[in-house]
Amino acid sequence: MVHALVDCLGEFVRRTLAAWLRRHGGWTDILRCVVSTDPGLRAHWLVATLCNFGCFLKAVFFMLLPER
């Protein structure tokens, strides 16, 4: 199953992502396409990251909790 996922991801990168990167100037210009400098958006991403980290810690806690 893992090999199939790796093959599919490789095909996606080769067919779609590589062409998109070439059209948008390569890896050096990608920051202009995907990164916003709006401070309100940064705060939103920080809150989302902290919430996701909290969910991760809760999942780890419950996985390590011994069953009774």
N, C-alpha and C. Protein backbone atom coordinates (compact mmCIF):
# COMPACT_ATOMS: atom_id res chain seq x y z
N MET A 1 0.83 -1.20 0.00
CA MET A 1 0.00 0.00 0.00
C MET A 1 0.87 1.26 0.00
N VAL A 2 1.94 1.24 0.78
CA VAL A 2 2.82 2.41 0.86
C VAL A 2 3.47 2.69 -0.49
N HIS A 3 3.87 1.62 -1.18
CA HIS A 3 4.51 1.80 -2.49
C HIS A 3 3.54 2.43 -3.48
N ALA A 4 2.27 2.06 -3.42
CA ALA A 4 1.27 2.65 -4.31
C ALA A 4 1.10 4.14 -4.01
N LEU A 5 1.09 4.51 -2.73
CA LEU A 5 0.97 5.92 -2.36
C LEU A 5 2.18 6.72 -2.84
N VAL A 6 3.37 6.15 -2.67
CA VAL A 6 4.58 6.83 -3.12
C VAL A 6 4.56 7.00 -4.63
N ASP A 7 4.13 5.97 -5.36
CA ASP A 7 4.05 6.07 -6.82
C ASP A 7 3.06 7.13 -7.26
N CYS A 8 1.89 7.19 -6.60
CA CYS A 8 0.88 8.19 -6.94
C CYS A 8 1.39 9.60 -6.65
N LEU A 9 2.05 9.77 -5.53
CA LEU A 9 2.60 11.08 -5.19
C LEU A 9 3.67 11.49 -6.18
N GLY A 10 4.51 10.54 -6.58
CA GLY A 10 5.54 10.83 -7.58
C GLY A 10 4.94 11.25 -8.91
N GLU A 11 3.87 10.58 -9.33
CA GLU A 11 3.18 10.95 -10.57
C GLU A 11 2.58 12.35 -10.46
N PHE A 12 1.98 12.66 -9.31
CA PHE A 12 1.41 13.99 -9.12
C PHE A 12 2.49 15.06 -9.23
N VAL A 13 3.62 14.83 -8.57
CA VAL A 13 4.71 15.81 -8.61
C VAL A 13 5.22 15.96 -10.04
N ARG A 14 5.41 14.84 -10.73
CA ARG A 14 5.96 14.89 -12.08
C ARG A 14 5.01 15.56 -13.06
N ARG A 15 3.73 15.26 -12.98
CA ARG A 15 2.76 15.78 -13.96
C ARG A 15 2.23 17.17 -13.61
N THR A 16 1.89 17.38 -12.36
CA THR A 16 1.18 18.60 -11.97
C THR A 16 2.06 19.62 -11.29
N LEU A 17 2.72 19.22 -10.21
CA LEU A 17 3.47 20.17 -9.40
C LEU A 17 4.67 20.75 -10.15
N ALA A 18 5.39 19.92 -10.87
CA ALA A 18 6.56 20.41 -11.60
C ALA A 18 6.16 21.45 -12.65
N ALA A 19 5.08 21.20 -13.37
CA ALA A 19 4.61 22.16 -14.37
C ALA A 19 4.15 23.45 -13.71
N TRP A 20 3.46 23.34 -12.60
CA TRP A 20 2.99 24.53 -11.90
C TRP A 20 4.17 25.36 -11.42
N LEU A 21 5.19 24.70 -10.89
CA LEU A 21 6.37 25.42 -10.43
C LEU A 21 7.08 26.13 -11.58
N ARG A 22 7.19 25.47 -12.72
CA ARG A 22 7.82 26.12 -13.88
C ARG A 22 7.04 27.35 -14.31
N ARG A 23 5.71 27.25 -14.33
CA ARG A 23 4.88 28.40 -14.74
C ARG A 23 5.00 29.56 -13.77
N HIS A 24 5.24 29.29 -12.50
CA HIS A 24 5.28 30.34 -11.48
C HIS A 24 6.69 30.73 -11.07
N GLY A 25 7.69 30.40 -11.85
CA GLY A 25 9.04 30.89 -11.60
C GLY A 25 9.94 29.98 -10.79
N GLY A 26 9.52 28.78 -10.51
CA GLY A 26 10.38 27.85 -9.77
C GLY A 26 10.28 28.01 -8.27
N TRP A 27 11.14 27.30 -7.56
CA TRP A 27 11.10 27.31 -6.10
C TRP A 27 11.44 28.68 -5.52
N THR A 28 12.24 29.48 -6.20
CA THR A 28 12.64 30.77 -5.64
C THR A 28 11.47 31.74 -5.58
N ASP A 29 10.52 31.64 -6.50
CA ASP A 29 9.37 32.56 -6.52
C ASP A 29 8.13 31.99 -5.86
N ILE A 30 8.22 30.81 -5.28
CA ILE A 30 7.02 30.19 -4.73
C ILE A 30 6.47 30.97 -3.53
N LEU A 31 7.34 31.66 -2.80
CA LEU A 31 6.86 32.41 -1.63
C LEU A 31 5.89 33.51 -2.04
N ARG A 32 6.07 34.10 -3.20
CA ARG A 32 5.14 35.13 -3.65
C ARG A 32 3.77 34.55 -3.97
N CYS A 33 3.71 33.28 -4.31
CA CYS A 33 2.45 32.65 -4.69
C CYS A 33 1.66 32.12 -3.50
N VAL A 34 2.35 31.65 -2.47
CA VAL A 34 1.64 30.94 -1.41
C VAL A 34 1.74 31.58 -0.02
N VAL A 35 2.61 32.52 0.19
CA VAL A 35 2.78 33.12 1.52
C VAL A 35 2.18 34.52 1.51
N SER A 36 1.30 34.76 2.46
CA SER A 36 0.69 36.08 2.60
C SER A 36 1.39 36.84 3.71
N THR A 37 1.55 38.14 3.54
CA THR A 37 2.19 38.95 4.58
C THR A 37 1.16 39.65 5.45
N ASP A 38 -0.11 39.32 5.29
CA ASP A 38 -1.18 39.92 6.09
C ASP A 38 -1.05 39.45 7.54
N PRO A 39 -0.85 40.39 8.51
CA PRO A 39 -0.65 39.96 9.90
C PRO A 39 -1.88 39.25 10.48
N GLY A 40 -3.08 39.58 10.01
CA GLY A 40 -4.27 38.90 10.51
C GLY A 40 -4.26 37.44 10.14
N LEU A 41 -3.77 37.12 8.94
CA LEU A 41 -3.69 35.74 8.50
C LEU A 41 -2.65 34.98 9.32
N ARG A 42 -1.54 35.64 9.65
CA ARG A 42 -0.52 34.98 10.47
C ARG A 42 -1.08 34.59 11.82
N ALA A 43 -1.84 35.48 12.43
CA ALA A 43 -2.43 35.18 13.73
C ALA A 43 -3.38 33.98 13.60
N HIS A 44 -4.12 33.93 12.50
CA HIS A 44 -5.05 32.82 12.28
C HIS A 44 -4.27 31.50 12.20
N TRP A 45 -3.17 31.48 11.44
CA TRP A 45 -2.38 30.26 11.31
C TRP A 45 -1.76 29.87 12.64
N LEU A 46 -1.37 30.84 13.45
CA LEU A 46 -0.79 30.53 14.75
C LEU A 46 -1.82 29.86 15.65
N VAL A 47 -3.03 30.40 15.67
CA VAL A 47 -4.10 29.80 16.49
C VAL A 47 -4.42 28.40 16.01
N ALA A 48 -4.51 28.21 14.70
CA ALA A 48 -4.81 26.89 14.16
C ALA A 48 -3.69 25.90 14.50
N THR A 49 -2.45 26.35 14.43
CA THR A 49 -1.33 25.47 14.76
C THR A 49 -1.36 25.08 16.23
N LEU A 50 -1.63 26.03 17.10
CA LEU A 50 -1.70 25.72 18.53
C LEU A 50 -2.85 24.77 18.84
N CYS A 51 -3.99 24.96 18.21
CA CYS A 51 -5.12 24.04 18.42
C CYS A 51 -4.79 22.64 17.93
N ASN A 52 -4.16 22.54 16.77
CA ASN A 52 -3.77 21.23 16.26
C ASN A 52 -2.75 20.56 17.16
N PHE A 53 -1.82 21.32 17.69
CA PHE A 53 -0.84 20.76 18.60
C PHE A 53 -1.52 20.25 19.87
N GLY A 54 -2.51 20.99 20.36
CA GLY A 54 -3.27 20.54 21.53
C GLY A 54 -4.00 19.24 21.26
N CYS A 55 -4.59 19.12 20.07
CA CYS A 55 -5.27 17.86 19.70
C CYS A 55 -4.28 16.72 19.60
N PHE A 56 -3.10 17.00 19.07
CA PHE A 56 -2.05 15.98 18.99
C PHE A 56 -1.66 15.50 20.38
N LEU A 57 -1.45 16.43 21.30
CA LEU A 57 -1.08 16.04 22.66
C LEU A 57 -2.17 15.22 23.33
N LYS A 58 -3.43 15.59 23.10
CA LYS A 58 -4.55 14.84 23.67
C LYS A 58 -4.58 13.42 23.10
N ALA A 59 -4.34 13.28 21.79
CA ALA A 59 -4.33 11.95 21.17
C ALA A 59 -3.19 11.11 21.73
N VAL A 60 -2.01 11.71 21.90
CA VAL A 60 -0.88 10.97 22.47
C VAL A 60 -1.19 10.55 23.90
N PHE A 61 -1.80 11.43 24.66
CA PHE A 61 -2.15 11.10 26.05
C PHE A 61 -3.08 9.90 26.11
N PHE A 62 -4.13 9.90 25.27
CA PHE A 62 -5.09 8.81 25.31
C PHE A 62 -4.50 7.51 24.74
N MET A 63 -3.55 7.61 23.83
CA MET A 63 -2.92 6.39 23.32
C MET A 63 -2.00 5.77 24.36
N LEU A 64 -1.37 6.61 25.17
CA LEU A 64 -0.45 6.10 26.18
C LEU A 64 -1.15 5.74 27.48
N LEU A 65 -2.40 6.15 27.64
CA LEU A 65 -3.18 5.86 28.84
C LEU A 65 -3.42 4.35 28.91
N PRO A 66 -3.07 3.73 30.01
CA PRO A 66 -3.28 2.27 30.10
C PRO A 66 -4.78 1.93 30.15
N GLU A 67 -5.14 0.85 29.46
CA GLU A 67 -6.54 0.41 29.48
C GLU A 67 -6.83 -0.31 30.80
N ARG A 68 -8.06 -0.16 31.26
CA ARG A 68 -8.44 -0.82 32.52
C ARG A 68 -9.41 -1.92 32.24
